[in-house]
Protein backbone atom coordinates (compact mmCIF):
# COMPACT_ATOMS: atom_id res chain seq x y z
CA MET A 1 -2.52 18.99 -5.44
CA LYS A 2 -4.18 17.48 -2.35
CA ASP A 3 -4.24 14.00 -3.91
CA LEU A 4 -0.53 14.27 -4.85
CA ILE A 5 0.36 15.15 -1.25
CA ILE A 6 -1.71 12.25 0.02
CA ALA A 7 0.00 9.92 -2.47
CA ALA A 8 3.38 11.16 -1.28
CA LEU A 9 2.40 10.61 2.38
CA TRP A 10 1.27 7.07 1.53
CA SER A 11 4.67 6.59 -0.10
CA ILE A 12 6.44 7.61 3.11
CA SER A 13 4.16 5.51 5.30
CA PRO A 14 5.33 2.07 6.48
CA LEU A 15 1.77 0.86 5.86
CA GLY A 16 1.96 1.26 2.11
CA GLU A 17 5.03 2.92 0.68
CA ALA A 18 4.90 3.68 -3.06
CA LYS A 19 2.93 0.42 -3.50
CA VAL A 20 -0.08 2.32 -2.19
CA GLY A 21 0.86 5.89 -3.03
CA ILE A 22 1.13 5.33 -6.80
CA PRO A 23 -2.26 3.61 -7.22
CA TYR A 24 -3.86 6.18 -4.94
CA GLY A 25 -2.52 9.04 -7.06
CA LEU A 26 -3.38 7.41 -10.37
CA LEU A 27 -6.89 6.52 -9.27
CA ASN A 28 -7.48 10.08 -8.13
CA GLY A 29 -6.48 11.67 -11.41
CA VAL A 30 -2.95 12.90 -10.65
CA ASN A 31 -0.67 13.20 -13.72
CA ILE A 32 0.69 9.74 -14.41
CA TYR A 33 4.34 10.84 -14.68
CA LEU A 34 4.21 13.26 -11.74
CA VAL A 35 2.73 10.60 -9.40
CA LEU A 36 5.51 8.15 -10.31
CA VAL A 37 8.29 10.68 -9.70
CA VAL A 38 6.84 12.13 -6.48
CA CYS A 39 5.99 8.78 -4.93
CA PHE A 40 9.36 7.31 -5.88
CA LEU A 41 11.26 10.27 -4.35
CA ALA A 42 9.08 10.23 -1.23
CA ASN A 43 9.79 6.54 -0.80
CA VAL A 44 13.53 7.09 -1.28
CA MET A 45 13.50 9.65 1.56
CA VAL A 46 12.61 6.86 3.99
CA PHE A 47 16.09 5.27 3.85
CA PRO A 48 18.08 8.15 5.39
CA ILE A 49 15.39 8.67 8.00
CA MET A 50 15.41 4.96 8.89
CA MET A 51 19.20 4.84 9.08
CA PHE A 52 19.24 7.86 11.37
CA PHE A 53 16.64 6.21 13.57
CA LEU A 54 18.44 2.86 13.66
CA ASN A 55 21.88 4.40 14.36
CA THR A 56 20.86 6.92 17.02
CA ILE A 57 17.37 6.73 18.44
CA ASN A 58 17.14 2.93 18.30
CA THR A 59 20.29 2.62 20.42
CA TYR A 60 18.78 4.80 23.10
CA LEU A 61 15.37 3.10 23.06
CA LEU A 62 16.87 -0.40 23.40
CA ARG A 63 17.32 0.37 27.08
CA TRP A 64 13.59 -0.13 27.64
CA HIS A 65 12.34 -3.71 27.85
CA PHE A 66 9.07 -3.11 25.98
CA TYR A 67 10.85 -1.51 23.03
CA LYS A 68 13.70 -4.03 23.04
CA LYS A 69 11.22 -6.94 22.93
CA GLY A 70 9.48 -5.47 19.90
CA ALA A 71 12.73 -4.57 18.16
CA LEU A 72 14.11 -8.07 18.59
CA PHE A 73 10.89 -9.50 17.14
CA ILE A 74 11.18 -7.26 14.08
CA ALA A 75 14.90 -8.04 13.71
CA ARG A 76 14.25 -11.78 13.77
CA ARG A 77 11.51 -11.44 11.15
CA ALA A 78 13.74 -9.31 8.93
CA LYS A 79 16.56 -11.84 9.15
CA THR A 80 14.37 -14.82 8.41
CA GLY A 81 12.43 -13.05 5.64
CA SER A 82 15.41 -11.63 3.81
CA GLY A 83 18.48 -13.12 5.46
CA ASP A 84 19.28 -16.01 3.11
CA GLN A 85 18.68 -13.90 0.05
CA ILE A 86 20.85 -11.00 1.26
CA ARG A 87 23.58 -13.24 2.63
CA LYS A 88 23.80 -15.23 -0.59
CA TYR A 89 23.47 -12.42 -3.14
CA GLY A 90 24.49 -9.34 -1.13
CA PHE A 91 23.87 -6.10 -3.01
CA TYR A 92 21.68 -7.75 -5.65
CA GLY A 93 19.73 -9.71 -3.05
CA LEU A 94 18.90 -6.45 -1.28
CA ILE A 95 17.73 -4.91 -4.56
CA PHE A 96 15.51 -7.90 -5.25
CA PHE A 97 14.11 -7.91 -1.70
CA VAL A 98 13.21 -4.23 -1.81
CA MET A 99 11.89 -4.51 -5.39
CA LEU A 100 9.26 -7.09 -4.62
CA PRO A 101 5.91 -5.22 -4.58
CA VAL A 102 4.38 -7.31 -1.83
CA PRO A 103 3.66 -6.54 1.84
CA GLY A 104 6.61 -6.96 4.17
CA THR A 105 9.20 -5.91 1.64
CA GLY A 106 10.28 -2.41 0.68
CA VAL A 107 12.54 0.29 1.95
CA TYR A 108 11.59 -0.08 5.64
CA ALA A 109 12.44 -3.77 5.64
CA GLY A 110 15.42 -3.13 3.35
CA SER A 111 16.78 -0.52 5.74
CA ILE A 112 16.43 -2.81 8.71
CA ALA A 113 18.10 -5.66 6.78
CA SER A 114 20.93 -3.26 5.74
CA TYR A 115 21.40 -2.29 9.38
CA LEU A 116 21.30 -5.87 10.70
CA PHE A 117 23.66 -7.27 8.07
CA LYS A 118 25.96 -4.24 8.38
CA ILE A 119 25.94 -3.41 4.69
CA GLU A 120 27.92 -0.32 3.84
CA ARG A 121 25.56 2.68 3.94
CA LYS A 122 26.27 3.94 0.41
CA LYS A 123 25.83 0.49 -1.14
CA ALA A 124 22.67 -0.04 0.91
CA PHE A 125 21.28 3.31 -0.22
CA VAL A 126 21.95 2.53 -3.88
CA ALA A 127 20.48 -0.95 -3.57
CA ASN A 128 17.38 0.36 -1.80
CA THR A 129 16.95 3.13 -4.37
CA ILE A 130 17.23 0.76 -7.31
CA GLY A 131 14.78 -1.65 -5.61
CA ILE A 132 12.34 1.18 -4.90
CA PHE A 133 12.55 2.37 -8.49
CA LEU A 134 11.90 -1.08 -9.93
CA SER A 135 9.03 -1.69 -7.51
CA SER A 136 7.52 1.72 -8.30
CA VAL A 137 7.68 1.05 -12.04
CA ILE A 138 6.07 -2.39 -11.60
CA VAL A 139 3.24 -0.92 -9.51
CA TRP A 140 2.87 2.07 -11.87
CA VAL A 141 2.66 -0.04 -15.02
CA THR A 142 0.37 -2.61 -13.42
CA THR A 143 -1.98 0.08 -12.15
CA LEU A 144 -2.07 1.87 -15.50
CA LEU A 145 -2.80 -1.36 -17.36
CA THR A 146 -5.52 -2.27 -14.89
CA MET A 147 -7.13 1.18 -15.21
CA LYS A 148 -7.21 0.67 -19.00
CA GLY A 149 -8.72 -2.79 -18.58
CA MET A 150 -5.66 -4.54 -20.02
CA ALA A 151 -4.53 -6.46 -16.96
């Protein structure tokens, strides 16, 4: 149970998301299906939290120079990293961006991109959820194959 909770916490963390939570759970003997479901759902929970933060707390914190400087840096990186893809392909571009199981992509970056490009919240949630699911399945299958010595 402890390892499942740690895997879920990794899946919520901006340092790893489900890309770290799933392998952690699998390598520590958590049920292979349970770890996929729990890490996926934990990662999905990030989107509403991030949107609340961006719509309310972020607006308040932008008054402070130190925070504003960091927020503008992150916003520029999100726009350059995902901007062309999301502008060109919209909903599907956001899915693809969130789906990529590499550092710098995922639901945190997808939420920020959704906010910056003013994508309708329901569409953004669905795109992020689909992207998280696809990314989770890729990481899950890859980890399982690697553990069996097949990858």
